[in-house]
C-alpha atoms as a PDB file:
ATOM      1  CA  MET A   1       0.153   0.032   0.024  1.00  0.00           C
ATOM      2  CA  GLY A   2       3.161   2.445   0.592  1.00  0.00           C
ATOM      3  CA  ILE A   3       2.894   5.423   2.566  1.00  0.00           C
ATOM      4  CA  LEU A   4       0.035   5.437   5.251  1.00  0.00           C
ATOM      5  CA  GLN A   5       1.219   8.729   7.044  1.00  0.00           C
ATOM      6  CA  PRO A   6       3.375  11.262   5.258  1.00  0.00           C
ATOM      7  CA  ALA A   7       6.121  12.906   7.090  1.00  0.00           C
ATOM      8  CA  GLN A   8       4.432  15.560   8.898  1.00  0.00           C
ATOM      9  CA  VAL A   9       5.927  18.255  11.239  1.00  0.00           C
ATOM     10  CA  LEU A  10       5.230  18.252  14.813  1.00  0.00           C
ATOM     11  CA  PRO A  11       2.902  20.838  16.386  1.00  0.00           C
ATOM     12  CA  GLY A  12       5.503  23.357  17.986  1.00  0.00           C
ATOM     13  CA  GLN A  13       8.327  22.701  15.531  1.00  0.00           C
ATOM     14  CA  VAL A  14       6.932  24.758  12.510  1.00  0.00           C
ATOM     15  CA  GLY A  15       9.867  26.627  11.210  1.00  0.00           C
ATOM     16  CA  VAL A  16      12.345  24.713  13.518  1.00  0.00           C
ATOM     17  CA  ILE A  17      15.767  23.692  11.652  1.00  0.00           C
ATOM     18  CA  GLY A  18      16.326  19.976  12.134  1.00  0.00           C
ATOM     19  CA  ALA A  19      12.560  19.093  12.672  1.00  0.00           C
ATOM     20  CA  ILE A  20      11.389  15.663  13.730  1.00  0.00           C
ATOM     21  CA  LYS A  21       8.808  14.502  11.482  1.00  0.00           C
ATOM     22  CA  TYR A  22       7.089  11.078  11.653  1.00  0.00           C
ATOM     23  CA  MET A  23       5.990   8.726   8.792  1.00  0.00           C
ATOM     24  CA  VAL A  24       4.227   5.395   8.600  1.00  0.00           C
ATOM     25  CA  THR A  25       4.587   2.983   5.563  1.00  0.00           C
ATOM     26  CA  THR A  26       4.210  -0.423   4.449  1.00  0.00           C
ATOM     27  CA  ASP A  27       7.135  -0.483   2.425  1.00  0.00           C
ATOM     28  CA  SER A  28      10.393  -2.302   3.275  1.00  0.00           C
ATOM     29  CA  LEU A  29      13.551  -0.504   4.509  1.00  0.00           C
ATOM     30  CA  ALA A  30      15.194  -1.313   1.167  1.00  0.00           C
ATOM     31  CA  THR A  31      12.213   0.576  -0.464  1.00  0.00           C
ATOM     32  CA  VAL A  32      12.222   3.434   1.878  1.00  0.00           C
ATOM     33  CA  THR A  33      15.862   4.127   1.566  1.00  0.00           C
ATOM     34  CA  THR A  34      15.610   4.114  -2.423  1.00  0.00           C
ATOM     35  CA  ALA A  35      16.612   7.643  -3.737  1.00  0.00           C
ATOM     36  CA  GLY A  36      13.533   9.661  -4.903  1.00  0.00           C
ATOM     37  CA  TYR A  37      11.208   7.529  -2.769  1.00  0.00           C
ATOM     38  CA  LEU A  38       9.695  10.574  -1.113  1.00  0.00           C
ATOM     39  CA  ASN A  39       9.659  12.637  -4.240  1.00  0.00           C
ATOM     40  CA  ASN A  40       6.200  10.953  -5.048  1.00  0.00           C
ATOM     41  CA  LEU A  41       4.664  12.900  -2.253  1.00  0.00           C
ATOM     42  CA  ASP A  42       3.111  16.362  -2.640  1.00  0.00           C
ATOM     43  CA  LEU A  43       6.159  18.257  -1.516  1.00  0.00           C
ATOM     44  CA  ALA A  44       4.102  21.612  -1.266  1.00  0.00           C
ATOM     45  CA  VAL A  45       1.895  20.031   1.205  1.00  0.00           C
ATOM     46  CA  TYR A  46       4.578  17.914   3.039  1.00  0.00           C
ATOM     47  CA  PRO A  47       7.697  19.598   2.416  1.00  0.00           C
ATOM     48  CA  ILE A  48      11.012  17.983   3.143  1.00  0.00           C
ATOM     49  CA  THR A  49      14.448  19.639   4.163  1.00  0.00           C
ATOM     50  CA  ALA A  50      17.964  18.283   4.322  1.00  0.00           C
ATOM     51  CA  SER A  51      17.881  19.245   8.088  1.00  0.00           C
ATOM     52  CA  ASP A  52      14.846  17.166   8.671  1.00  0.00           C
ATOM     53  CA  VAL A  53      15.045  13.898  10.965  1.00  0.00           C
ATOM     54  CA  LEU A  54      12.420  11.299   9.864  1.00  0.00           C
ATOM     55  CA  GLY A  55      10.931   8.764  12.436  1.00  0.00           C
ATOM     56  CA  VAL A  56       9.992   6.164   9.967  1.00  0.00           C
ATOM     57  CA  THR A  57       8.040   3.111  10.817  1.00  0.00           C
ATOM     58  CA  TYR A  58       8.442   0.584   7.916  1.00  0.00           C
ATOM     59  CA  ASN A  59       7.166  -2.649   7.092  1.00  0.00           C
ATOM     60  CA  TYR A  60       3.960  -1.539   9.015  1.00  0.00           C
ATOM     61  CA  ASN A  61       1.168  -4.326   9.171  1.00  0.00           C
ATOM     62  CA  LEU A  62      -2.314  -3.028   9.156  1.00  0.00           C
ATOM     63  CA  GLN A  63      -3.665  -6.296  10.882  1.00  0.00           C
ATOM     64  CA  THR A  64      -1.081  -6.259  13.646  1.00  0.00           C
ATOM     65  CA  ASN A  65      -0.901  -2.323  13.793  1.00  0.00           C
ATOM     66  CA  SER A  66       2.942  -2.847  14.185  1.00  0.00           C
ATOM     67  CA  GLY A  67       6.161  -2.273  12.170  1.00  0.00           C
ATOM     68  CA  THR A  68       9.912  -1.458  12.544  1.00  0.00           C
ATOM     69  CA  PHE A  69      10.884   1.916  13.747  1.00  0.00           C
ATOM     70  CA  ALA A  70      14.072   3.665  12.608  1.00  0.00           C
ATOM     71  CA  LEU A  71      15.382   7.257  12.489  1.00  0.00           C
ATOM     72  CA  MET A  72      16.319   8.484   9.026  1.00  0.00           C
ATOM     73  CA  THR A  73      18.460  11.382   7.914  1.00  0.00           C
ATOM     74  CA  VAL A  74      17.513  13.432   4.567  1.00  0.00           C
ATOM     75  CA  SER A  75      19.962  14.117   1.816  1.00  0.00           C
ATOM     76  CA  ILE A  76      18.967  16.152  -1.445  1.00  0.00           C
ATOM     77  CA  ALA A  77      20.941  16.090  -4.479  1.00  0.00           C
ATOM     78  CA  ASN A  78      19.627  17.733  -7.772  1.00  0.00           C
ATOM     79  CA  GLY A  79      16.112  17.598  -6.061  1.00  0.00           C
ATOM     80  CA  VAL A  80      16.342  13.813  -5.534  1.00  0.00           C
ATOM     81  CA  ILE A  81      15.483  13.138  -1.860  1.00  0.00           C
ATOM     82  CA  THR A  82      17.136  10.231  -0.157  1.00  0.00           C
ATOM     83  CA  LEU A  83      16.852   8.727   3.085  1.00  0.00           C
ATOM     84  CA  ALA A  84      19.546   6.901   5.151  1.00  0.00           C
ATOM     85  CA  GLN A  85      19.177   5.096   8.422  1.00  0.00           C
ATOM     86  CA  GLU A  86      20.688   6.873  11.193  1.00  0.00           C
ATOM     87  CA  VAL A  87      23.656   5.146  12.876  1.00  0.00           C
ATOM     88  CA  ASN A  88      25.084   6.662  16.022  1.00  0.00           C
ATOM     89  CA  PRO A  89      28.448   5.355  18.080  1.00  0.00           C
ATOM     90  CA  GLY A  90      27.064   2.216  19.936  1.00  0.00           C
ATOM     91  CA  ASN A  91      24.639   1.278  17.371  1.00  0.00           C
ATOM     92  CA  VAL A  92      24.361  -1.835  15.321  1.00  0.00           C
ATOM     93  CA  LEU A  93      25.251  -1.441  11.511  1.00  0.00           C
ATOM     94  CA  LEU A  94      22.858  -3.146   9.559  1.00  0.00           C
ATOM     95  CA  PRO A  95      22.194  -5.573   7.863  1.00  0.00           C
ATOM     96  CA  VAL A  96      23.336  -8.505  10.324  1.00  0.00           C
ATOM     97  CA  VAL A  97      22.723 -12.377   9.886  1.00  0.00           C
ATOM     98  CA  SER A  98      21.245 -14.438  12.417  1.00  0.00           C
ATOM     99  CA  GLY A  99      23.793 -16.774  14.270  1.00  0.00           C
ATOM    100  CA  ASP A 100      26.661 -14.709  13.079  1.00  0.00           C
ATOM    101  CA  PHE A 101      29.520 -13.516  15.248  1.00  0.00           C
ATOM    102  CA  ALA A 102      29.533  -9.633  16.051  1.00  0.00           C
ATOM    103  CA  ILE A 103      32.538  -7.272  15.796  1.00  0.00           C
ATOM    104  CA  PHE A 104      33.147  -3.994  16.589  1.00  0.00           C
ATOM    105  CA  ASN A 105      33.198  -1.467  13.554  1.00  0.00           C
ATOM    106  CA  GLY A 106      36.172   0.758  14.220  1.00  0.00           C
ATOM    107  CA  THR A 107      36.714   2.488  17.738  1.00  0.00           C
ATOM    108  CA  THR A 108      33.333   4.168  17.885  1.00  0.00           C
ATOM    109  CA  GLY A 109      31.705   1.332  19.625  1.00  0.00           C
ATOM    110  CA  GLN A 110      29.615   0.457  16.801  1.00  0.00           C
ATOM    111  CA  ILE A 111      29.022  -3.127  16.089  1.00  0.00           C
ATOM    112  CA  LYS A 112      28.475  -5.121  12.874  1.00  0.00           C
ATOM    113  CA  ASP A 113      28.221  -8.435  11.675  1.00  0.00           C
ATOM    114  CA  SER A 114      31.448 -10.335  10.979  1.00  0.00           C
ATOM    115  CA  SER A 115      30.166 -12.648   8.087  1.00  0.00           C
ATOM    116  CA  GLN A 116      31.467 -15.593  10.104  1.00  0.00           C
ATOM    117  CA  ALA A 117      28.718 -17.842  11.793  1.00  0.00           C
ATOM    118  CA  ALA A 118      29.089 -19.107  15.216  1.00  0.00           C
ATOM    119  CA  SER A 119      28.579 -22.599  14.249  1.00  0.00           C
ATOM    120  CA  ASN A 120      31.791 -22.750  11.944  1.00  0.00           C
ATOM    121  CA  ALA A 121      34.054 -22.033  15.224  1.00  0.00           C
ATOM    122  CA  ALA A 122      36.805 -24.708  15.341  1.00  0.00           C
ATOM    123  CA  SER A 123      36.496 -25.143  19.239  1.00  0.00           C
ATOM    124  CA  PRO A 124      34.393 -23.872  22.013  1.00  0.00           C
ATOM    125  CA  PHE A 125      35.392 -20.669  23.887  1.00  0.00           C
ATOM    126  CA  VAL A 126      37.656 -20.941  27.040  1.00  0.00           C
ATOM    127  CA  VAL A 127      36.013 -19.044  29.865  1.00  0.00           C
ATOM    128  CA  THR A 128      38.652 -17.695  32.391  1.00  0.00           C
ATOM    129  CA  SER A 129      38.086 -15.484  35.137  1.00  0.00           C
ATOM    130  CA  PRO A 130      39.829 -12.037  35.013  1.00  0.00           C
ATOM    131  CA  GLY A 131      43.165 -12.576  37.076  1.00  0.00           C
ATOM    132  CA  SER A 132      42.779 -16.111  37.664  1.00  0.00           C
ATOM    133  CA  LEU A 133      45.702 -16.990  35.837  1.00  0.00           C
ATOM    134  CA  THR A 134      49.546 -16.274  36.726  1.00  0.00           C
ATOM    135  CA  ILE A 135      52.017 -15.107  34.067  1.00  0.00           C
ATOM    136  CA  GLY A 136      54.370 -17.939  33.537  1.00  0.00           C
ATOM    137  CA  ASN A 137      52.521 -20.825  35.260  1.00  0.00           C
ATOM    138  CA  PHE A 138      50.911 -23.671  33.428  1.00  0.00           C
ATOM    139  CA  PRO A 139      47.157 -23.362  33.126  1.00  0.00           C
ATOM    140  CA  LYS A 140      44.835 -26.283  33.692  1.00  0.00           C
ATOM    141  CA  LEU A 141      41.294 -27.238  33.277  1.00  0.00           C
ATOM    142  CA  ALA A 142      39.093 -26.309  36.020  1.00  0.00           C
ATOM    143  CA  ASP A 143      35.905 -27.872  34.715  1.00  0.00           C
ATOM    144  CA  ALA A 144      34.480 -29.819  31.790  1.00  0.00           C
ATOM    145  CA  LYS A 145      33.190 -26.699  30.109  1.00  0.00           C
ATOM    146  CA  GLY A 146      36.818 -25.514  29.110  1.00  0.00           C
ATOM    147  CA  THR A 147      37.442 -23.169  31.879  1.00  0.00           C
ATOM    148  CA  LEU A 148      40.872 -22.496  32.450  1.00  0.00           C
ATOM    149  CA  ALA A 149      42.451 -22.272  36.069  1.00  0.00           C
ATOM    150  CA  ASN A 150      45.903 -21.490  37.521  1.00  0.00           C
ATOM    151  CA  GLY A 151      48.273 -24.261  37.524  1.00  0.00           C
ATOM    152  CA  LEU A 152      51.757 -24.955  38.695  1.00  0.00           C
ATOM    153  CA  PRO A 153      54.923 -22.960  37.838  1.00  0.00           C
ATOM    154  CA  PRO A 154      57.610 -24.132  35.600  1.00  0.00           C
ATOM    155  CA  SER A 155      59.985 -24.782  38.330  1.00  0.00           C
ATOM    156  CA  ALA A 156      57.693 -27.165  40.083  1.00  0.00           C
ATOM    157  CA  SER A 157      58.626 -30.852  40.242  1.00  0.00           C
ATOM    158  CA  GLY A 158      58.174 -32.606  36.960  1.00  0.00           C
ATOM    159  CA  ASN A 159      56.995 -29.515  35.389  1.00  0.00           C
ATOM    160  CA  SER A 160      59.991 -27.940  33.358  1.00  0.00           C
ATOM    161  CA  PHE A 161      59.984 -26.389  29.845  1.00  0.00           C
ATOM    162  CA  VAL A 162      61.761 -28.380  27.086  1.00  0.00           C
ATOM    163  CA  PRO A 163      64.107 -25.940  25.360  1.00  0.00           C
ATOM    164  CA  VAL A 164      64.662 -26.728  21.638  1.00  0.00           C
ATOM    165  CA  SER A 165      66.796 -24.344  19.370  1.00  0.00           C
ATOM    166  CA  PRO A 166      64.840 -22.886  16.597  1.00  0.00           C
ATOM    167  CA  GLY A 167      65.884 -24.645  13.334  1.00  0.00           C
ATOM    168  CA  SER A 168      67.551 -27.540  15.246  1.00  0.00           C
ATOM    169  CA  MET A 169      65.267 -30.120  14.203  1.00  0.00           C
ATOM    170  CA  THR A 170      64.500 -32.191  10.728  1.00  0.00           C
ATOM    171  CA  THR A 171      61.226 -33.424   9.785  1.00  0.00           C
ATOM    172  CA  GLY A 172      60.645 -36.949  10.217  1.00  0.00           C
ATOM    173  CA  HIS A 173      63.572 -37.533  12.608  1.00  0.00           C
ATOM    174  CA  LEU A 174      63.606 -39.036  15.984  1.00  0.00           C
ATOM    175  CA  LEU A 175      64.147 -36.984  18.942  1.00  0.00           C
ATOM    176  CA  SER A 176      66.760 -37.689  21.453  1.00  0.00           C
ATOM    177  CA  ALA A 177      67.990 -36.141  24.808  1.00  0.00           C
ATOM    178  CA  GLY A 178      70.417 -33.432  24.066  1.00  0.00           C
ATOM    179  CA  ASP A 179      71.484 -33.174  27.677  1.00  0.00           C
ATOM    180  CA  ALA A 180      70.700 -34.063  31.279  1.00  0.00           C
ATOM    181  CA  ASN A 181      68.267 -30.843  31.531  1.00  0.00           C
ATOM    182  CA  GLY A 182      65.830 -32.333  29.129  1.00  0.00           C
ATOM    183  CA  THR A 183      66.861 -30.324  26.142  1.00  0.00           C
ATOM    184  CA  LEU A 184      65.568 -31.972  23.014  1.00  0.00           C
ATOM    185  CA  ALA A 185      67.843 -32.634  20.165  1.00  0.00           C
ATOM    186  CA  ASP A 186      67.593 -34.222  16.609  1.00  0.00           C
ATOM    187  CA  SER A 187      68.644 -37.936  16.930  1.00  0.00           C
ATOM    188  CA  GLY A 188      69.596 -38.040  13.005  1.00  0.00           C
ATOM    189  CA  ILE A 189      67.611 -40.992  12.556  1.00  0.00           C
ATOM    190  CA  VAL A 190      64.659 -41.085  10.207  1.00  0.00           C
ATOM    191  CA  ALA A 191      61.618 -42.427  12.099  1.00  0.00           C
ATOM    192  CA  THR A 192      60.582 -44.904   9.060  1.00  0.00           C
ATOM    193  CA  SER A 193      63.987 -46.512   9.629  1.00  0.00           C
ATOM    194  CA  VAL A 194      62.967 -47.913  13.084  1.00  0.00           C
ATOM    195  CA  ALA A 195      61.854 -51.526  13.031  1.00  0.00           C
ATOM    196  CA  ILE A 196      58.481 -52.344  14.481  1.00  0.00           C
ATOM    197  CA  SER A 197      58.263 -55.726  16.352  1.00  0.00           C
ATOM    198  CA  SER A 198      55.701 -57.347  18.555  1.00  0.00           C
ATOM    199  CA  ILE A 199      58.556 -58.914  20.836  1.00  0.00           C
ATOM    200  CA  THR A 200      58.837 -57.146  24.087  1.00  0.00           C
ATOM    201  CA  SER A 201      62.660 -57.116  24.092  1.00  0.00           C
ATOM    202  CA  PRO A 202      63.587 -57.546  20.335  1.00  0.00           C
ATOM    203  CA  ASP A 203      67.197 -58.185  19.640  1.00  0.00           C
ATOM    204  CA  ALA A 204      69.264 -55.356  17.764  1.00  0.00           C
ATOM    205  CA  SER A 205      68.577 -55.001  13.839  1.00  0.00           C
ATOM    206  CA  SER A 206      70.720 -56.941  11.779  1.00  0.00           C
ATOM    207  CA  ASP A 207      70.637 -54.445   9.107  1.00  0.00           C
ATOM    208  CA  LEU A 208      70.235 -57.240   6.420  1.00  0.00           C
ATOM    209  CA  VAL A 209      68.758 -55.855   3.017  1.00  0.00           C
ATOM    210  CA  TRP A 210      67.687 -57.850   0.068  1.00  0.00           C
ATOM    211  CA  HIS A 211      68.046 -56.005  -3.189  1.00  0.00           C
ATOM    212  CA  ASP A 212      66.417 -56.980  -6.518  1.00  0.00           C
ATOM    213  CA  ILE A 213      68.503 -55.506  -9.101  1.00  0.00           C
ATOM    214  CA  THR A 214      67.675 -55.310 -13.121  1.00  0.00           C
ATOM    215  CA  CYS A 215      70.869 -55.342 -15.050  1.00  0.00           C
ATOM    216  CA  SER A 216      70.230 -54.116 -18.473  1.00  0.00           C
ATOM    217  CA  ALA A 217      72.517 -54.340 -21.764  1.00  0.00           C
ATOM    218  CA  ALA A 218      72.019 -50.569 -21.916  1.00  0.00           C
ATOM    219  CA  ALA A 219      73.155 -49.859 -18.303  1.00  0.00           C
ATOM    220  CA  LEU A 220      76.131 -52.093 -18.412  1.00  0.00           C
ATOM    221  CA  ALA A 221      77.383 -50.875 -21.908  1.00  0.00           C
ATOM    222  CA  THR A 222      80.677 -49.126 -22.368  1.00  0.00           C
ATOM    223  CA  ALA A 223      82.122 -49.608 -18.660  1.00  0.00           C
ATOM    224  CA  GLY A 224      78.629 -48.890 -17.373  1.00  0.00           C
ATOM    225  CA  HIS A 225      77.381 -50.136 -13.862  1.00  0.00           C
ATOM    226  CA  VAL A 226      74.097 -50.787 -11.930  1.00  0.00           C
ATOM    227  CA  THR A 227      74.272 -49.616  -8.361  1.00  0.00           C
ATOM    228  CA  ILE A 228      73.133 -52.407  -5.821  1.00  0.00           C
ATOM    229  CA  GLN A 229      73.954 -50.723  -2.473  1.00  0.00           C
ATOM    230  CA  ALA A 230      74.586 -47.039  -2.260  1.00  0.00           C
ATOM    231  CA  SER A 231      76.559 -45.641   0.461  1.00  0.00           C
ATOM    232  CA  SER A 232      78.097 -42.431   1.898  1.00  0.00           C
ATOM    233  CA  GLY A 233      80.401 -41.064   4.711  1.00  0.00           C
ATOM    234  CA  SER A 234      81.955 -44.041   6.619  1.00  0.00           C
ATOM    235  CA  LYS A 235      79.162 -46.648   5.863  1.00  0.00           C
ATOM    236  CA  GLN A 236      80.338 -50.072   4.981  1.00  0.00           C
ATOM    237  CA  TYR A 237      78.822 -53.292   3.751  1.00  0.00           C
ATOM    238  CA  ILE A 238      79.116 -57.157   3.345  1.00  0.00           C
ATOM    239  CA  VAL A 239      77.630 -58.983   0.459  1.00  0.00           C
ATOM    240  CA  ARG A 240      76.014 -62.157   2.282  1.00  0.00           C
ATOM    241  CA  ASP A 241      74.253 -63.738  -0.755  1.00  0.00           C
ATOM    242  CA  ILE A 242      73.986 -63.416  -4.492  1.00  0.00           C
ATOM    243  CA  ARG A 243      71.295 -65.221  -6.519  1.00  0.00           C
ATOM    244  CA  MET A 244      70.255 -65.326 -10.430  1.00  0.00           C
ATOM    245  CA  ASN A 245      66.612 -64.976 -11.235  1.00  0.00           C
ATOM    246  CA  TYR A 246      64.731 -67.069 -13.745  1.00  0.00           C
ATOM    247  CA  SER A 247      63.725 -65.152 -16.933  1.00  0.00           C
ATOM    248  CA  ALA A 248      62.503 -66.461 -20.343  1.00  0.00           C
ATOM    249  CA  SER A 249      65.184 -64.181 -21.857  1.00  0.00           C
ATOM    250  CA  GLY A 250      68.372 -62.645 -20.755  1.00  0.00           C
ATOM    251  CA  LEU A 251      71.246 -60.580 -22.037  1.00  0.00           C
ATOM    252  CA  SER A 252      71.961 -61.425 -25.673  1.00  0.00           C
ATOM    253  CA  GLY A 253      72.934 -59.760 -29.085  1.00  0.00           C
ATOM    254  CA  GLY A 254      76.297 -58.515 -30.759  1.00  0.00           C
ATOM    255  CA  GLY A 255      78.336 -61.834 -29.732  1.00  0.00           C
ATOM    256  CA  GLY A 256      78.112 -60.777 -26.089  1.00  0.00           C
ATOM    257  CA  ASP A 257      80.560 -62.858 -24.155  1.00  0.00           C
ATOM    258  CA  ARG A 258      81.045 -60.688 -20.873  1.00  0.00           C
ATOM    259  CA  LEU A 259      80.557 -61.792 -17.294  1.00  0.00           C
ATOM    260  CA  LEU A 260      78.890 -59.868 -14.362  1.00  0.00           C
ATOM    261  CA  SER A 261      80.480 -58.981 -11.268  1.00  0.00           C
ATOM    262  CA  VAL A 262      79.513 -57.716  -7.876  1.00  0.00           C
ATOM    263  CA  THR A 263      82.054 -55.381  -6.539  1.00  0.00           C
ATOM    264  CA  ASP A 264      82.891 -52.205  -4.996  1.00  0.00           C
ATOM    265  CA  GLY A 265      85.828 -51.304  -7.136  1.00  0.00           C
ATOM    266  CA  THR A 266      88.384 -52.959  -4.777  1.00  0.00           C
ATOM    267  CA  THR A 267      86.670 -56.405  -3.654  1.00  0.00           C
ATOM    268  CA  VAL A 268      84.668 -58.795  -5.952  1.00  0.00           C
ATOM    269  CA  TRP A 269      82.247 -61.006  -4.111  1.00  0.00           C
ATOM    270  CA  ASN A 270      81.843 -63.431  -6.956  1.00  0.00           C
ATOM    271  CA  ASN A 271      85.415 -64.166  -8.242  1.00  0.00           C
ATOM    272  CA  ALA A 272      85.431 -64.057 -12.149  1.00  0.00           C
ATOM    273  CA  GLY A 273      81.508 -63.174 -12.266  1.00  0.00           C
ATOM    274  CA  ILE A 274      78.270 -64.600 -13.289  1.00  0.00           C
ATOM    275  CA  THR A 275      79.124 -66.631 -16.600  1.00  0.00           C
ATOM    276  CA  ALA A 276      77.840 -65.338 -19.923  1.00  0.00           C
ATOM    277  CA  ALA A 277      76.013 -68.881 -20.561  1.00  0.00           C
ATOM    278  CA  LEU A 278      74.068 -68.065 -17.116  1.00  0.00           C
ATOM    279  CA  LEU A 279      73.476 -64.397 -18.314  1.00  0.00           C
ATOM    280  CA  GLY A 280      72.415 -65.436 -21.644  1.00  0.00           C
ATOM    281  CA  THR A 281      69.739 -68.090 -20.342  1.00  0.00           C
ATOM    282  CA  PRO A 282      68.855 -67.048 -16.684  1.00  0.00           C
ATOM    283  CA  ILE A 283      67.649 -69.834 -14.387  1.00  0.00           C
ATOM    284  CA  ASN A 284      67.007 -69.643 -10.802  1.00  0.00           C
ATOM    285  CA  THR A 285      70.538 -70.263  -9.400  1.00  0.00           C
ATOM    286  CA  VAL A 286      71.952 -69.760  -5.687  1.00  0.00           C
ATOM    287  CA  TRP A 287      75.180 -68.499  -4.881  1.00  0.00           C
ATOM    288  CA  GLY A 288      77.752 -71.146  -5.608  1.00  0.00           C
ATOM    289  CA  GLY A 289      75.554 -72.999  -8.293  1.00  0.00           C
ATOM    290  CA  THR A 290      76.466 -73.387 -11.946  1.00  0.00           C
ATOM    291  CA  GLY A 291      77.575 -70.146 -13.306  1.00  0.00           C
ATOM    292  CA  ASN A 292      77.100 -68.083 -10.097  1.00  0.00           C
ATOM    293  CA  PRO A 293      80.545 -68.630  -8.349  1.00  0.00           C
ATOM    294  CA  LEU A 294      81.397 -67.908  -4.875  1.00  0.00           C
ATOM    295  CA  ALA A 295      84.170 -65.214  -3.761  1.00  0.00           C
ATOM    296  CA  GLY A 296      87.619 -66.345  -5.125  1.00  0.00           C
ATOM    297  CA  THR A 297      90.592 -65.643  -2.930  1.00  0.00           C
ATOM    298  CA  VAL A 298      89.060 -62.930  -0.711  1.00  0.00           C
ATOM    299  CA  ALA A 299      87.056 -63.780   2.475  1.00  0.00           C
ATOM    300  CA  MET A 300      83.427 -63.740   1.887  1.00  0.00           C
ATOM    301  CA  ASP A 301      82.776 -61.754   4.904  1.00  0.00           C
ATOM    302  CA  THR A 302      85.058 -58.854   3.410  1.00  0.00           C
ATOM    303  CA  ALA A 303      83.355 -55.338   4.111  1.00  0.00           C
ATOM    304  CA  SER A 304      83.177 -52.701   1.063  1.00  0.00           C
ATOM    305  CA  ALA A 305      85.350 -49.570   1.387  1.00  0.00           C
ATOM    306  CA  ALA A 306      83.979 -46.804   3.313  1.00  0.00           C
ATOM    307  CA  GLY A 307      81.497 -44.784   1.763  1.00  0.00           C
ATOM    308  CA  VAL A 308      81.940 -46.587  -1.669  1.00  0.00           C
ATOM    309  CA  ALA A 309      78.638 -48.043  -3.398  1.00  0.00           C
ATOM    310  CA  ILE A 310      78.531 -51.679  -4.133  1.00  0.00           C
ATOM    311  CA  TYR A 311      77.353 -52.393  -7.929  1.00  0.00           C
ATOM    312  CA  ALA A 312      77.038 -54.835 -10.719  1.00  0.00           C
ATOM    313  CA  ALA A 313      79.587 -54.068 -13.563  1.00  0.00           C
ATOM    314  CA  TYR A 314      80.942 -56.437 -16.673  1.00  0.00           C
ATOM    315  CA  ALA A 315      84.184 -58.685 -16.112  1.00  0.00           C
ATOM    316  CA  GLY A 316      86.213 -60.845 -18.324  1.00  0.00           C
ATOM    317  CA  GLY A 317      85.051 -61.447 -21.923  1.00  0.00           C
ATOM    318  CA  THR A 318      85.735 -59.009 -24.635  1.00  0.00           C
ATOM    319  CA  THR A 319      82.545 -58.319 -26.266  1.00  0.00           C
ATOM    320  CA  ASP A 320      79.498 -56.447 -24.627  1.00  0.00           C
ATOM    321  CA  PHE A 321      75.856 -57.718 -24.914  1.00  0.00           C
ATOM    322  CA  THR A 322      73.406 -55.512 -27.083  1.00  0.00           C
ATOM    323  CA  THR A 323      70.171 -56.169 -25.730  1.00  0.00           C
ATOM    324  CA  GLY A 324      68.057 -57.678 -22.960  1.00  0.00           C
ATOM    325  CA  SER A 325      68.629 -57.978 -19.153  1.00  0.00           C
ATOM    326  CA  VAL A 326      68.902 -60.014 -16.237  1.00  0.00           C
ATOM    327  CA  VAL A 327      67.655 -59.824 -12.681  1.00  0.00           C
ATOM    328  CA  ILE A 328      69.943 -60.677  -9.682  1.00  0.00           C
ATOM    329  CA  SER A 329      68.895 -60.597  -6.029  1.00  0.00           C
ATOM    330  CA  VAL A 330      71.821 -59.446  -3.608  1.00  0.00           C
ATOM    331  CA  LEU A 331      71.627 -59.566   0.312  1.00  0.00           C
ATOM    332  CA  THR A 332      73.789 -56.862   1.806  1.00  0.00           C
ATOM    333  CA  GLN A 333      74.519 -56.335   5.502  1.00  0.00           C
ATOM    334  CA  ARG A 334      75.645 -52.837   7.114  1.00  0.00           C
ATOM    335  CA  THR A 335      78.698 -53.285   9.342  1.00  0.00           C
ATOM    336  CA  ALA A 336      79.757 -49.846  10.142  1.00  0.00           C
END
């Protein structure tokens, strides 16, 4: 229906600058604050000035005789009248959303919608009475509602800070005691390297590792090699087993007659090497079986040179194979 009661000056305020006028309308706040809304009135009968303050009851319901009241200020530009809801320090900036957190809008005390729903909070509020905590003490839970209470100081028995130097830790490493004061230190041991056992008191790790290594003609060509056990620093390894795996085809082509040795460049753990015949027709062969010899004139428990990798490379013969591959399984044990 629109405006039920045009903005009229109260008795005794005729000629007063900044007069308060009251208006009633069935229109919404958005419609009332639209530029030109009051230009539809007979402004000769109901004059509006920029200094007026309008008490507007909008969304008025004729059946319930009720609506929403707000004070409006007036601005006039090029003859167009526009109303704006009056907001004073301490008021609420509209619009707001039901269920949202409220926050302060600046330093005037005005409150506005935060656009953050209370239901999205990651955790409940922690209620603490002012002055109930002591700086430097550990807080503790006072009840099941999350209320904090004053706890023990760090110097109390069993409650000390654990000092850690910034940047002194490596992600994924185990921690160790750096001193008798409880300082944490990086152990240098990767957590995934720790063996898991259901035995209450397991024996020390044997450091035995099987390697299934594919040796292709391309990788072995021209004095090439295939790494079996990488090494670094002062690490040393012993070769404990070498096995040939069955394959429908092996190394071939080019009249190849080479043998395959397992070595670190100093020690050869399989004598002259796996024979060309076995490389050409691979069958499951244990270490010491036909074509897969044991060590020659070196002890089988000889460790590799410190920090040097163990690898597979051609030995003996004169001509490289040109195609195919074989898979050998090598068991190594770290000793240093």
